Amino acid sequence: MVTRRPTRWRPPMLWVLTALLSTGCTMLHQTPTAAPTSRAAPSATPRPEARDILLAQQFDMDMEGAGPVSCGNDLHQLTRGRPDDHPRVWVTAGEDATGASNAVAAGLGEESRLCLHGFPPGGPITVTIKAGGRTYTTTVQPVAELTAAPSAMDDLFNGRPMEVEDVGDGLLESGFWHFLPSEPALTDIARSGRFTVAARSGDVRAESEVPLRLPRGAAAVEGWERNHQLAVYGYPAGARVPIGLYRPEDRADGRVAVLQREVGRVVMPRHRVAIFTVPPDVFRTISAEPADDENPACLSVADLASCAT
C-alpha cells in the first residue's frame, strides 16, 4: 500500500544504494570555498570560457522541498477547472521547487507520477514514450489501490509493468518515483527538452508532449551499485561543476554536511546533463558502513542542500 504524503514535506537524504534520491534541492545557507584539487579527470574538455563553480564548505540538510505531486491539481489546470471527459495522459513532477514556473512538466530527478484521465478503469493500458527517435513501451494496470509505488528511476523506460490507482472522476494516478531515465533516453530527452507520451486502451487513445524541467541537481543513475555513476544536471552549459565528499554532522541548530574534499568535476555539455563516474576509492568510502561515532560519508554538488550516500 502506498501512503500519501502530506501537502508539505521534508525530503529524505538521497539514498543512492536504494536508487531513491531526493531532488527538491534548495540553494540556501551555503558557504562557498575553493576545494582541494582532485586528481580525477573531468568528463569533457573545458572550453576557454567555461566557468568554475565552487563547492560549499558546508550546508544545512533540513530544508523544505517542492510541493505535492498531484495529478488532480494538474487536471484542474489542464482543463481550467471545467468538466472534461477528453482522454489525457501526462507525466508530472508537481510544483516547480524554484517557483519559476507552474506549467505541467516532468522534472529531471524530481518526484513524479504518471497520470491518465478518461480511460476505462478495468483493462490494461499501453503507455508509449517517444524520445530521440526511440520508443519505450510499458503496460499499465488500473487497480483499486496501489500495492507498491514505482521504485526504479528509469520507470516508463525499462519495460516493467506499472500500476495506476483509480482516484475517482475518471482519473488514474501511479505511485511516485524519481524521474531519471537511463541512457540513451536521458541524453535524448535532455537534448530535446521534452518527450512524447501516448496511451491506448481499446478505442481510447491519448497523446501529449511533456516539457522537461532541468533543476540543478545530482542523482544516482539506475544500476548505481554496478556502474557507480552520478548524473549531474541543470547547470549552465560549459560550467565546470565539482563533486564533493561530505560528512554529515548533527549539531544543536540542525544537521549539516561538512566538505571533506573535492573528488572530481564534470563539464556541462550543451544539453546540460553530464555523467560522473565515482572513483573506486570514493565509492568504497560512501558505501562502507559508518563507525558508531560518525555519520555516513556522502556526495554532493555545488549549490545543493542534499547529499548522496
C-alpha atoms as a PDB file:
ATOM      1  CA  MET A   1       0.000   0.000   0.000  1.00  0.00           C
ATOM      2  CA  VAL A   2       1.276   3.459  -0.804  1.00  0.00           C
ATOM      3  CA  THR A   3       0.894   6.111   1.913  1.00  0.00           C
ATOM      4  CA  ARG A   4       0.198   9.546   0.528  1.00  0.00           C
ATOM      5  CA  ARG A   5       2.444  12.249   1.832  1.00  0.00           C
ATOM      6  CA  PRO A   6       1.178  15.485   3.455  1.00  0.00           C
ATOM      7  CA  THR A   7       0.927  18.693   1.480  1.00  0.00           C
ATOM      8  CA  ARG A   8       4.258  19.949   2.806  1.00  0.00           C
ATOM      9  CA  TRP A   9       7.119  17.571   3.492  1.00  0.00           C
ATOM     10  CA  ARG A  10      10.748  17.318   4.180  1.00  0.00           C
ATOM     11  CA  PRO A  11      12.623  15.186   1.607  1.00  0.00           C
ATOM     12  CA  PRO A  12      14.847  12.333   2.812  1.00  0.00           C
ATOM     13  CA  MET A  13      18.563  12.280   2.203  1.00  0.00           C
ATOM     14  CA  LEU A  14      19.424  10.888  -1.233  1.00  0.00           C
ATOM     15  CA  TRP A  15      19.775   7.148  -0.572  1.00  0.00           C
ATOM     16  CA  VAL A  16      21.801   6.130  -3.594  1.00  0.00           C
ATOM     17  CA  LEU A  17      22.101   2.481  -2.668  1.00  0.00           C
ATOM     18  CA  THR A  18      18.289   2.175  -2.937  1.00  0.00           C
ATOM     19  CA  ALA A  19      18.212   4.432  -6.009  1.00  0.00           C
ATOM     20  CA  LEU A  20      15.675   6.725  -4.342  1.00  0.00           C
ATOM     21  CA  LEU A  21      17.062  10.238  -4.433  1.00  0.00           C
ATOM     22  CA  SER A  22      15.526  13.357  -3.089  1.00  0.00           C
ATOM     23  CA  THR A  23      15.643  16.099  -5.704  1.00  0.00           C
ATOM     24  CA  GLY A  24      13.815  19.061  -4.283  1.00  0.00           C
ATOM     25  CA  CYS A  25      17.212  20.693  -3.720  1.00  0.00           C
ATOM     26  CA  THR A  26      17.341  24.071  -2.001  1.00  0.00           C
ATOM     27  CA  MET A  27      20.120  26.571  -2.630  1.00  0.00           C
ATOM     28  CA  LEU A  28      20.323  28.172   0.834  1.00  0.00           C
ATOM     29  CA  HIS A  29      22.740  28.630   3.742  1.00  0.00           C
ATOM     30  CA  GLN A  30      25.883  27.676   1.818  1.00  0.00           C
ATOM     31  CA  THR A  31      29.368  28.989   2.355  1.00  0.00           C
ATOM     32  CA  PRO A  32      31.376  28.766  -0.899  1.00  0.00           C
ATOM     33  CA  THR A  33      35.011  27.834  -0.660  1.00  0.00           C
ATOM     34  CA  ALA A  34      37.748  26.712  -3.002  1.00  0.00           C
ATOM     35  CA  ALA A  35      38.023  22.955  -2.578  1.00  0.00           C
ATOM     36  CA  PRO A  36      41.257  20.941  -2.874  1.00  0.00           C
ATOM     37  CA  THR A  37      42.271  19.999  -6.387  1.00  0.00           C
ATOM     38  CA  SER A  38      41.242  16.480  -7.364  1.00  0.00           C
ATOM     39  CA  ARG A  39      43.245  14.048  -9.464  1.00  0.00           C
ATOM     40  CA  ALA A  40      40.016  12.803 -11.089  1.00  0.00           C
ATOM     41  CA  ALA A  41      39.741  13.765 -14.736  1.00  0.00           C
ATOM     42  CA  PRO A  42      36.772  15.871 -15.907  1.00  0.00           C
ATOM     43  CA  SER A  43      34.133  14.257 -18.132  1.00  0.00           C
ATOM     44  CA  ALA A  44      34.802  16.618 -21.038  1.00  0.00           C
ATOM     45  CA  THR A  45      37.441  19.061 -22.216  1.00  0.00           C
ATOM     46  CA  PRO A  46      36.525  22.504 -20.853  1.00  0.00           C
ATOM     47  CA  ARG A  47      36.194  25.398 -23.252  1.00  0.00           C
ATOM     48  CA  PRO A  48      38.248  28.525 -22.542  1.00  0.00           C
ATOM     49  CA  GLU A  49      35.102  30.391 -21.479  1.00  0.00           C
ATOM     50  CA  ALA A  50      33.957  27.624 -19.103  1.00  0.00           C
ATOM     51  CA  ARG A  51      33.009  28.930 -15.668  1.00  0.00           C
ATOM     52  CA  ASP A  52      34.218  27.321 -12.442  1.00  0.00           C
ATOM     53  CA  ILE A  53      31.619  26.698  -9.754  1.00  0.00           C
ATOM     54  CA  LEU A  54      32.685  26.384  -6.127  1.00  0.00           C
ATOM     55  CA  LEU A  55      31.597  23.786  -3.612  1.00  0.00           C
ATOM     56  CA  ALA A  56      30.019  24.833  -0.339  1.00  0.00           C
ATOM     57  CA  GLN A  57      32.219  24.356   2.713  1.00  0.00           C
ATOM     58  CA  GLN A  58      29.076  23.171   4.489  1.00  0.00           C
ATOM     59  CA  PHE A  59      25.315  23.329   4.050  1.00  0.00           C
ATOM     60  CA  ASP A  60      22.150  22.741   6.045  1.00  0.00           C
ATOM     61  CA  MET A  61      20.437  19.460   5.185  1.00  0.00           C
ATOM     62  CA  ASP A  62      16.986  20.017   6.728  1.00  0.00           C
ATOM     63  CA  MET A  63      15.359  22.146   4.024  1.00  0.00           C
ATOM     64  CA  GLU A  64      11.800  22.035   2.739  1.00  0.00           C
ATOM     65  CA  GLY A  65      11.331  20.633  -0.742  1.00  0.00           C
ATOM     66  CA  ALA A  66       8.820  21.066  -3.520  1.00  0.00           C
ATOM     67  CA  GLY A  67       5.063  20.852  -3.125  1.00  0.00           C
ATOM     68  CA  PRO A  68       2.989  17.678  -3.539  1.00  0.00           C
ATOM     69  CA  VAL A  69       2.784  15.777  -6.813  1.00  0.00           C
ATOM     70  CA  SER A  70      -0.917  15.637  -7.710  1.00  0.00           C
ATOM     71  CA  CYS A  71      -2.497  14.502 -10.969  1.00  0.00           C
ATOM     72  CA  GLY A  72      -5.735  16.106  -9.777  1.00  0.00           C
ATOM     73  CA  ASN A  73      -4.132  19.519  -9.474  1.00  0.00           C
ATOM     74  CA  ASP A  74      -2.680  19.147 -12.973  1.00  0.00           C
ATOM     75  CA  LEU A  75      -6.023  18.102 -14.433  1.00  0.00           C
ATOM     76  CA  HIS A  76      -7.691  21.167 -12.940  1.00  0.00           C
ATOM     77  CA  GLN A  77      -5.020  23.304 -14.588  1.00  0.00           C
ATOM     78  CA  LEU A  78      -5.201  21.493 -17.943  1.00  0.00           C
ATOM     79  CA  THR A  79      -8.998  21.767 -18.136  1.00  0.00           C
ATOM     80  CA  ARG A  80      -9.091  25.214 -16.493  1.00  0.00           C
ATOM     81  CA  GLY A  81     -11.366  23.780 -13.852  1.00  0.00           C
ATOM     82  CA  ARG A  82     -14.159  22.782 -16.255  1.00  0.00           C
ATOM     83  CA  PRO A  83     -15.611  19.228 -16.504  1.00  0.00           C
ATOM     84  CA  ASP A  84     -13.878  17.352 -19.289  1.00  0.00           C
ATOM     85  CA  ASP A  85     -14.044  13.672 -20.277  1.00  0.00           C
ATOM     86  CA  HIS A  86     -11.414  14.063 -23.006  1.00  0.00           C
ATOM     87  CA  PRO A  87      -8.809  11.269 -22.668  1.00  0.00           C
ATOM     88  CA  ARG A  88      -5.462  12.575 -21.451  1.00  0.00           C
ATOM     89  CA  VAL A  89      -2.079  11.175 -20.450  1.00  0.00           C
ATOM     90  CA  TRP A  90       0.891  13.025 -18.982  1.00  0.00           C
ATOM     91  CA  VAL A  91       3.859  12.774 -16.601  1.00  0.00           C
ATOM     92  CA  THR A  92       4.086  15.339 -13.847  1.00  0.00           C
ATOM     93  CA  ALA A  93       6.563  16.465 -11.224  1.00  0.00           C
ATOM     94  CA  GLY A  94       4.091  18.736  -9.449  1.00  0.00           C
ATOM     95  CA  GLU A  95       5.168  22.191  -8.358  1.00  0.00           C
ATOM     96  CA  ASP A  96       8.440  23.710  -9.531  1.00  0.00           C
ATOM     97  CA  ALA A  97      10.648  23.834  -6.423  1.00  0.00           C
ATOM     98  CA  THR A  98      12.185  27.120  -7.617  1.00  0.00           C
ATOM     99  CA  GLY A  99       8.803  28.747  -8.179  1.00  0.00           C
ATOM    100  CA  ALA A 100       9.894  29.782 -11.678  1.00  0.00           C
ATOM    101  CA  SER A 101       7.028  28.013 -13.466  1.00  0.00           C
ATOM    102  CA  ASN A 102       3.675  26.391 -12.736  1.00  0.00           C
ATOM    103  CA  ALA A 103       3.499  24.549 -16.070  1.00  0.00           C
ATOM    104  CA  VAL A 104       2.684  20.835 -16.095  1.00  0.00           C
ATOM    105  CA  ALA A 105       6.086  19.238 -16.719  1.00  0.00           C
ATOM    106  CA  ALA A 106       8.406  16.390 -15.800  1.00  0.00           C
ATOM    107  CA  GLY A 107      11.387  17.416 -13.675  1.00  0.00           C
ATOM    108  CA  LEU A 108      14.657  15.547 -14.058  1.00  0.00           C
ATOM    109  CA  GLY A 109      15.479  13.857 -10.774  1.00  0.00           C
ATOM    110  CA  GLU A 110      12.218  15.065  -9.229  1.00  0.00           C
ATOM    111  CA  GLU A 111       9.428  13.049  -7.652  1.00  0.00           C
ATOM    112  CA  SER A 112       6.981  12.271 -10.451  1.00  0.00           C
ATOM    113  CA  ARG A 113       3.729  10.487 -11.311  1.00  0.00           C
ATOM    114  CA  LEU A 114       2.089   9.064 -14.431  1.00  0.00           C
ATOM    115  CA  CYS A 115      -1.433  10.474 -14.868  1.00  0.00           C
ATOM    116  CA  LEU A 116      -4.286   9.295 -17.112  1.00  0.00           C
ATOM    117  CA  HIS A 117      -7.796  10.679 -17.484  1.00  0.00           C
ATOM    118  CA  GLY A 118     -10.817   9.308 -19.339  1.00  0.00           C
ATOM    119  CA  PHE A 119      -9.520   5.730 -19.652  1.00  0.00           C
ATOM    120  CA  PRO A 120     -11.507   2.635 -18.604  1.00  0.00           C
ATOM    121  CA  PRO A 121     -10.608   1.679 -15.032  1.00  0.00           C
ATOM    122  CA  GLY A 122     -10.601  -2.080 -15.722  1.00  0.00           C
ATOM    123  CA  GLY A 123      -8.456  -3.306 -18.593  1.00  0.00           C
ATOM    124  CA  PRO A 124      -4.724  -2.781 -19.146  1.00  0.00           C
ATOM    125  CA  ILE A 125      -3.431   0.360 -20.822  1.00  0.00           C
ATOM    126  CA  THR A 126      -0.379   0.514 -23.069  1.00  0.00           C
ATOM    127  CA  VAL A 127       1.783   3.594 -22.493  1.00  0.00           C
ATOM    128  CA  THR A 128       4.448   4.531 -25.027  1.00  0.00           C
ATOM    129  CA  ILE A 129       7.239   7.067 -24.559  1.00  0.00           C
ATOM    130  CA  LYS A 130       8.978   8.514 -27.613  1.00  0.00           C
ATOM    131  CA  ALA A 131      12.304  10.293 -27.282  1.00  0.00           C
ATOM    132  CA  GLY A 132      15.120  10.847 -29.774  1.00  0.00           C
ATOM    133  CA  GLY A 133      13.575   8.527 -32.362  1.00  0.00           C
ATOM    134  CA  ARG A 134      13.361   5.668 -29.841  1.00  0.00           C
ATOM    135  CA  THR A 135      10.207   4.120 -28.388  1.00  0.00           C
ATOM    136  CA  TYR A 136       9.703   2.697 -24.877  1.00  0.00           C
ATOM    137  CA  THR A 137       6.554   0.707 -24.027  1.00  0.00           C
ATOM    138  CA  THR A 138       5.042  -0.010 -20.599  1.00  0.00           C
ATOM    139  CA  THR A 139       1.913  -1.952 -19.662  1.00  0.00           C
ATOM    140  CA  VAL A 140      -0.156  -0.049 -17.118  1.00  0.00           C
ATOM    141  CA  GLN A 141      -2.758  -1.819 -14.981  1.00  0.00           C
ATOM    142  CA  PRO A 142      -5.549   0.169 -13.264  1.00  0.00           C
ATOM    143  CA  VAL A 143      -6.140  -1.037  -9.685  1.00  0.00           C
ATOM    144  CA  ALA A 144      -8.464  -0.042  -6.851  1.00  0.00           C
ATOM    145  CA  GLU A 145      -5.476   0.527  -4.581  1.00  0.00           C
ATOM    146  CA  LEU A 146      -1.753   0.578  -5.299  1.00  0.00           C
ATOM    147  CA  THR A 147       0.181  -2.381  -3.926  1.00  0.00           C
ATOM    148  CA  ALA A 148       3.584  -0.721  -4.355  1.00  0.00           C
ATOM    149  CA  ALA A 149       4.957   2.582  -5.583  1.00  0.00           C
ATOM    150  CA  PRO A 150       7.231   2.542  -8.639  1.00  0.00           C
ATOM    151  CA  SER A 151      10.805   2.375  -7.400  1.00  0.00           C
ATOM    152  CA  ALA A 152      13.195   2.418 -10.362  1.00  0.00           C
ATOM    153  CA  MET A 153      14.364   5.838 -11.505  1.00  0.00           C
ATOM    154  CA  ASP A 154      14.013   4.779 -15.138  1.00  0.00           C
ATOM    155  CA  ASP A 155      10.396   3.612 -14.834  1.00  0.00           C
ATOM    156  CA  LEU A 156       8.458   4.079 -18.098  1.00  0.00           C
ATOM    157  CA  PHE A 157      11.768   3.404 -19.903  1.00  0.00           C
ATOM    158  CA  ASN A 158      12.612  -0.082 -18.582  1.00  0.00           C
ATOM    159  CA  GLY A 159       9.570  -2.013 -19.853  1.00  0.00           C
ATOM    160  CA  ARG A 160       8.381  -3.052 -16.397  1.00  0.00           C
ATOM    161  CA  PRO A 161       4.616  -3.030 -15.747  1.00  0.00           C
ATOM    162  CA  MET A 162       3.220  -0.188 -13.658  1.00  0.00           C
ATOM    163  CA  GLU A 163       0.098   0.145 -11.519  1.00  0.00           C
ATOM    164  CA  VAL A 164      -2.200   3.172 -11.561  1.00  0.00           C
ATOM    165  CA  GLU A 165      -4.810   3.784  -8.903  1.00  0.00           C
ATOM    166  CA  ASP A 166      -8.387   4.809  -9.675  1.00  0.00           C
ATOM    167  CA  VAL A 167      -8.765   8.021  -7.622  1.00  0.00           C
ATOM    168  CA  GLY A 168     -12.218   8.865  -8.955  1.00  0.00           C
ATOM    169  CA  ASP A 169     -13.714  11.179 -11.563  1.00  0.00           C
ATOM    170  CA  GLY A 170     -12.052   9.214 -14.363  1.00  0.00           C
ATOM    171  CA  LEU A 171      -8.533   9.922 -13.066  1.00  0.00           C
ATOM    172  CA  LEU A 172      -5.838   7.233 -12.808  1.00  0.00           C
ATOM    173  CA  GLU A 173      -2.639   8.003 -10.889  1.00  0.00           C
ATOM    174  CA  SER A 174       0.551   5.998 -10.425  1.00  0.00           C
ATOM    175  CA  GLY A 175       2.670   5.881  -7.313  1.00  0.00           C
ATOM    176  CA  PHE A 176       5.556   8.337  -7.324  1.00  0.00           C
ATOM    177  CA  TRP A 177       9.152   7.764  -8.386  1.00  0.00           C
ATOM    178  CA  HIS A 178      12.167   9.969  -9.103  1.00  0.00           C
ATOM    179  CA  PHE A 179      12.322  10.664 -12.828  1.00  0.00           C
ATOM    180  CA  LEU A 180      15.759   9.844 -14.262  1.00  0.00           C
ATOM    181  CA  PRO A 181      15.700   7.741 -17.455  1.00  0.00           C
ATOM    182  CA  SER A 182      18.696   5.562 -18.249  1.00  0.00           C
ATOM    183  CA  GLU A 183      20.826   6.207 -21.309  1.00  0.00           C
ATOM    184  CA  PRO A 184      20.237   6.751 -24.185  1.00  0.00           C
ATOM    185  CA  ALA A 185      16.822   8.152 -23.228  1.00  0.00           C
ATOM    186  CA  LEU A 186      18.366  10.536 -20.681  1.00  0.00           C
ATOM    187  CA  THR A 187      20.501  12.340 -23.263  1.00  0.00           C
ATOM    188  CA  ASP A 188      17.752  12.213 -25.902  1.00  0.00           C
ATOM    189  CA  ILE A 189      15.226  13.896 -23.627  1.00  0.00           C
ATOM    190  CA  ALA A 190      17.708  16.443 -22.296  1.00  0.00           C
ATOM    191  CA  ARG A 191      18.730  17.468 -25.812  1.00  0.00           C
ATOM    192  CA  SER A 192      15.160  17.970 -27.000  1.00  0.00           C
ATOM    193  CA  GLY A 193      13.831  19.381 -23.730  1.00  0.00           C
ATOM    194  CA  ARG A 194      10.660  17.271 -23.991  1.00  0.00           C
ATOM    195  CA  PHE A 195       9.272  13.842 -24.797  1.00  0.00           C
ATOM    196  CA  THR A 196       6.019  12.392 -26.112  1.00  0.00           C
ATOM    197  CA  VAL A 197       3.824  10.129 -24.001  1.00  0.00           C
ATOM    198  CA  ALA A 198       0.913   8.209 -25.558  1.00  0.00           C
ATOM    199  CA  ALA A 199      -1.631   5.801 -24.080  1.00  0.00           C
ATOM    200  CA  ARG A 200      -4.214   3.463 -25.569  1.00  0.00           C
ATOM    201  CA  SER A 201      -6.794   1.023 -24.264  1.00  0.00           C
ATOM    202  CA  GLY A 202      -9.072  -0.401 -26.956  1.00  0.00           C
ATOM    203  CA  ASP A 203     -10.522   2.552 -28.850  1.00  0.00           C
ATOM    204  CA  VAL A 204      -9.492   5.086 -26.198  1.00  0.00           C
ATOM    205  CA  ARG A 205      -6.289   6.919 -27.077  1.00  0.00           C
ATOM    206  CA  ALA A 206      -4.429   9.998 -25.897  1.00  0.00           C
ATOM    207  CA  GLU A 207      -1.077  11.618 -26.539  1.00  0.00           C
ATOM    208  CA  SER A 208       0.762  14.678 -25.241  1.00  0.00           C
ATOM    209  CA  GLU A 209       4.144  16.357 -25.293  1.00  0.00           C
ATOM    210  CA  VAL A 210       5.689  16.655 -21.844  1.00  0.00           C
ATOM    211  CA  PRO A 211       8.177  19.500 -21.309  1.00  0.00           C
ATOM    212  CA  LEU A 212      11.301  18.667 -19.289  1.00  0.00           C
ATOM    213  CA  ARG A 213      12.345  20.780 -16.337  1.00  0.00           C
ATOM    214  CA  LEU A 214      16.069  20.808 -15.528  1.00  0.00           C
ATOM    215  CA  PRO A 215      16.566  21.919 -11.929  1.00  0.00           C
ATOM    216  CA  ARG A 216      20.107  21.887 -10.610  1.00  0.00           C
ATOM    217  CA  GLY A 217      20.718  18.514  -9.119  1.00  0.00           C
ATOM    218  CA  ALA A 218      22.576  15.237  -8.931  1.00  0.00           C
ATOM    219  CA  ALA A 219      21.168  11.731  -8.699  1.00  0.00           C
ATOM    220  CA  ALA A 220      22.433   8.165  -8.935  1.00  0.00           C
ATOM    221  CA  VAL A 221      21.919   6.522 -12.301  1.00  0.00           C
ATOM    222  CA  GLU A 222      19.865   3.320 -12.211  1.00  0.00           C
ATOM    223  CA  GLY A 223      22.233   0.420 -11.502  1.00  0.00           C
ATOM    224  CA  TRP A 224      24.444   2.552  -9.225  1.00  0.00           C
ATOM    225  CA  GLU A 225      25.828  -0.465  -7.399  1.00  0.00           C
ATOM    226  CA  ARG A 226      27.317  -1.705 -10.687  1.00  0.00           C
ATOM    227  CA  ASN A 227      28.121   1.447 -12.666  1.00  0.00           C
ATOM    228  CA  HIS A 228      28.929   3.901  -9.830  1.00  0.00           C
ATOM    229  CA  GLN A 229      27.529   6.726 -11.973  1.00  0.00           C
ATOM    230  CA  LEU A 230      26.054  10.013 -10.828  1.00  0.00           C
ATOM    231  CA  ALA A 231      24.017  12.212 -13.181  1.00  0.00           C
ATOM    232  CA  VAL A 232      24.684  15.939 -12.739  1.00  0.00           C
ATOM    233  CA  TYR A 233      22.223  18.269 -14.418  1.00  0.00           C
ATOM    234  CA  GLY A 234      20.761  21.743 -14.720  1.00  0.00           C
ATOM    235  CA  TYR A 235      23.974  23.790 -14.572  1.00  0.00           C
ATOM    236  CA  PRO A 236      24.838  26.206 -17.396  1.00  0.00           C
ATOM    237  CA  ALA A 237      26.448  24.679 -20.472  1.00  0.00           C
ATOM    238  CA  GLY A 238      30.234  24.913 -20.222  1.00  0.00           C
ATOM    239  CA  ALA A 239      30.299  25.236 -16.424  1.00  0.00           C
ATOM    240  CA  ARG A 240      32.896  23.177 -14.555  1.00  0.00           C
ATOM    241  CA  VAL A 241      30.867  21.585 -11.754  1.00  0.00           C
ATOM    242  CA  PRO A 242      32.729  19.991  -8.809  1.00  0.00           C
ATOM    243  CA  ILE A 243      31.552  16.944  -6.856  1.00  0.00           C
ATOM    244  CA  GLY A 244      32.495  16.919  -3.185  1.00  0.00           C
ATOM    245  CA  LEU A 245      32.810  14.286  -0.483  1.00  0.00           C
ATOM    246  CA  TYR A 246      30.957  15.445   2.636  1.00  0.00           C
ATOM    247  CA  ARG A 247      30.484  14.196   6.180  1.00  0.00           C
ATOM    248  CA  PRO A 248      27.094  14.955   7.806  1.00  0.00           C
ATOM    249  CA  GLU A 249      27.149  16.261  11.374  1.00  0.00           C
ATOM    250  CA  ASP A 250      24.322  16.639  13.883  1.00  0.00           C
ATOM    251  CA  ARG A 251      24.513  19.978  15.646  1.00  0.00           C
ATOM    252  CA  ALA A 252      22.351  21.814  18.156  1.00  0.00           C
ATOM    253  CA  ASP A 253      20.879  24.030  15.420  1.00  0.00           C
ATOM    254  CA  GLY A 254      20.307  21.238  12.898  1.00  0.00           C
ATOM    255  CA  ARG A 255      22.019  18.761  10.609  1.00  0.00           C
ATOM    256  CA  VAL A 256      24.818  19.985   8.340  1.00  0.00           C
ATOM    257  CA  ALA A 257      27.113  18.401   5.746  1.00  0.00           C
ATOM    258  CA  VAL A 258      30.765  19.422   6.007  1.00  0.00           C
ATOM    259  CA  LEU A 259      33.089  19.290   2.991  1.00  0.00           C
ATOM    260  CA  GLN A 260      35.960  16.801   3.251  1.00  0.00           C
ATOM    261  CA  ARG A 261      37.453  17.132  -0.225  1.00  0.00           C
ATOM    262  CA  GLU A 262      36.638  17.509  -3.904  1.00  0.00           C
ATOM    263  CA  VAL A 263      36.607  14.173  -5.733  1.00  0.00           C
ATOM    264  CA  GLY A 264      36.150  15.265  -9.349  1.00  0.00           C
ATOM    265  CA  ARG A 265      34.462  17.599 -11.820  1.00  0.00           C
ATOM    266  CA  VAL A 266      32.189  17.451 -14.809  1.00  0.00           C
ATOM    267  CA  VAL A 267      31.995  19.983 -17.623  1.00  0.00           C
ATOM    268  CA  MET A 268      28.382  20.600 -18.542  1.00  0.00           C
ATOM    269  CA  PRO A 269      27.602  19.854 -22.205  1.00  0.00           C
ATOM    270  CA  ARG A 270      25.122  21.880 -24.229  1.00  0.00           C
ATOM    271  CA  HIS A 271      22.196  19.683 -23.174  1.00  0.00           C
ATOM    272  CA  ARG A 272      23.123  20.296 -19.504  1.00  0.00           C
ATOM    273  CA  VAL A 273      23.316  16.681 -18.314  1.00  0.00           C
ATOM    274  CA  ALA A 274      26.676  15.074 -17.507  1.00  0.00           C
ATOM    275  CA  ILE A 275      27.575  11.654 -16.101  1.00  0.00           C
ATOM    276  CA  PHE A 276      30.246  11.398 -13.395  1.00  0.00           C
ATOM    277  CA  THR A 277      31.787   8.012 -12.614  1.00  0.00           C
ATOM    278  CA  VAL A 278      32.705   7.910  -8.929  1.00  0.00           C
ATOM    279  CA  PRO A 279      36.344   6.862  -8.371  1.00  0.00           C
ATOM    280  CA  PRO A 280      36.662   3.389  -6.784  1.00  0.00           C
ATOM    281  CA  ASP A 281      38.181   4.650  -3.518  1.00  0.00           C
ATOM    282  CA  VAL A 282      35.407   7.223  -3.092  1.00  0.00           C
ATOM    283  CA  PHE A 283      32.705   4.668  -3.837  1.00  0.00           C
ATOM    284  CA  ARG A 284      34.179   2.373  -1.179  1.00  0.00           C
ATOM    285  CA  THR A 285      34.120   5.251   1.290  1.00  0.00           C
ATOM    286  CA  ILE A 286      30.486   6.198   0.775  1.00  0.00           C
ATOM    287  CA  SER A 287      29.256   2.585   0.593  1.00  0.00           C
ATOM    288  CA  ALA A 288      31.123   1.467   3.729  1.00  0.00           C
ATOM    289  CA  GLU A 289      29.245   1.061   6.994  1.00  0.00           C
ATOM    290  CA  PRO A 290      29.950   4.092   9.219  1.00  0.00           C
ATOM    291  CA  ALA A 291      31.604   3.708  12.601  1.00  0.00           C
ATOM    292  CA  ASP A 292      29.430   4.119  15.693  1.00  0.00           C
ATOM    293  CA  ASP A 293      30.638   7.680  16.257  1.00  0.00           C
ATOM    294  CA  GLU A 294      30.212   9.028  12.719  1.00  0.00           C
ATOM    295  CA  ASN A 295      27.616   9.662  10.052  1.00  0.00           C
ATOM    296  CA  PRO A 296      27.957   8.036   6.606  1.00  0.00           C
ATOM    297  CA  ALA A 297      30.024   9.955   4.070  1.00  0.00           C
ATOM    298  CA  CYS A 298      28.115  11.284   1.079  1.00  0.00           C
ATOM    299  CA  LEU A 299      28.485  13.132  -2.226  1.00  0.00           C
ATOM    300  CA  SER A 300      27.076  16.495  -3.186  1.00  0.00           C
ATOM    301  CA  VAL A 301      27.352  19.023  -5.986  1.00  0.00           C
ATOM    302  CA  ALA A 302      27.769  22.799  -5.879  1.00  0.00           C
ATOM    303  CA  ASP A 303      24.725  24.859  -4.822  1.00  0.00           C
ATOM    304  CA  LEU A 304      22.736  21.887  -3.493  1.00  0.00           C
ATOM    305  CA  ALA A 305      21.420  21.234   0.006  1.00  0.00           C
ATOM    306  CA  SER A 306      21.222  17.466  -0.348  1.00  0.00           C
ATOM    307  CA  CYS A 307      23.733  14.645  -0.190  1.00  0.00           C
ATOM    308  CA  ALA A 308      24.046  11.168  -1.755  1.00  0.00           C
ATOM    309  CA  THR A 309      25.199   8.205   0.333  1.00  0.00           C
END
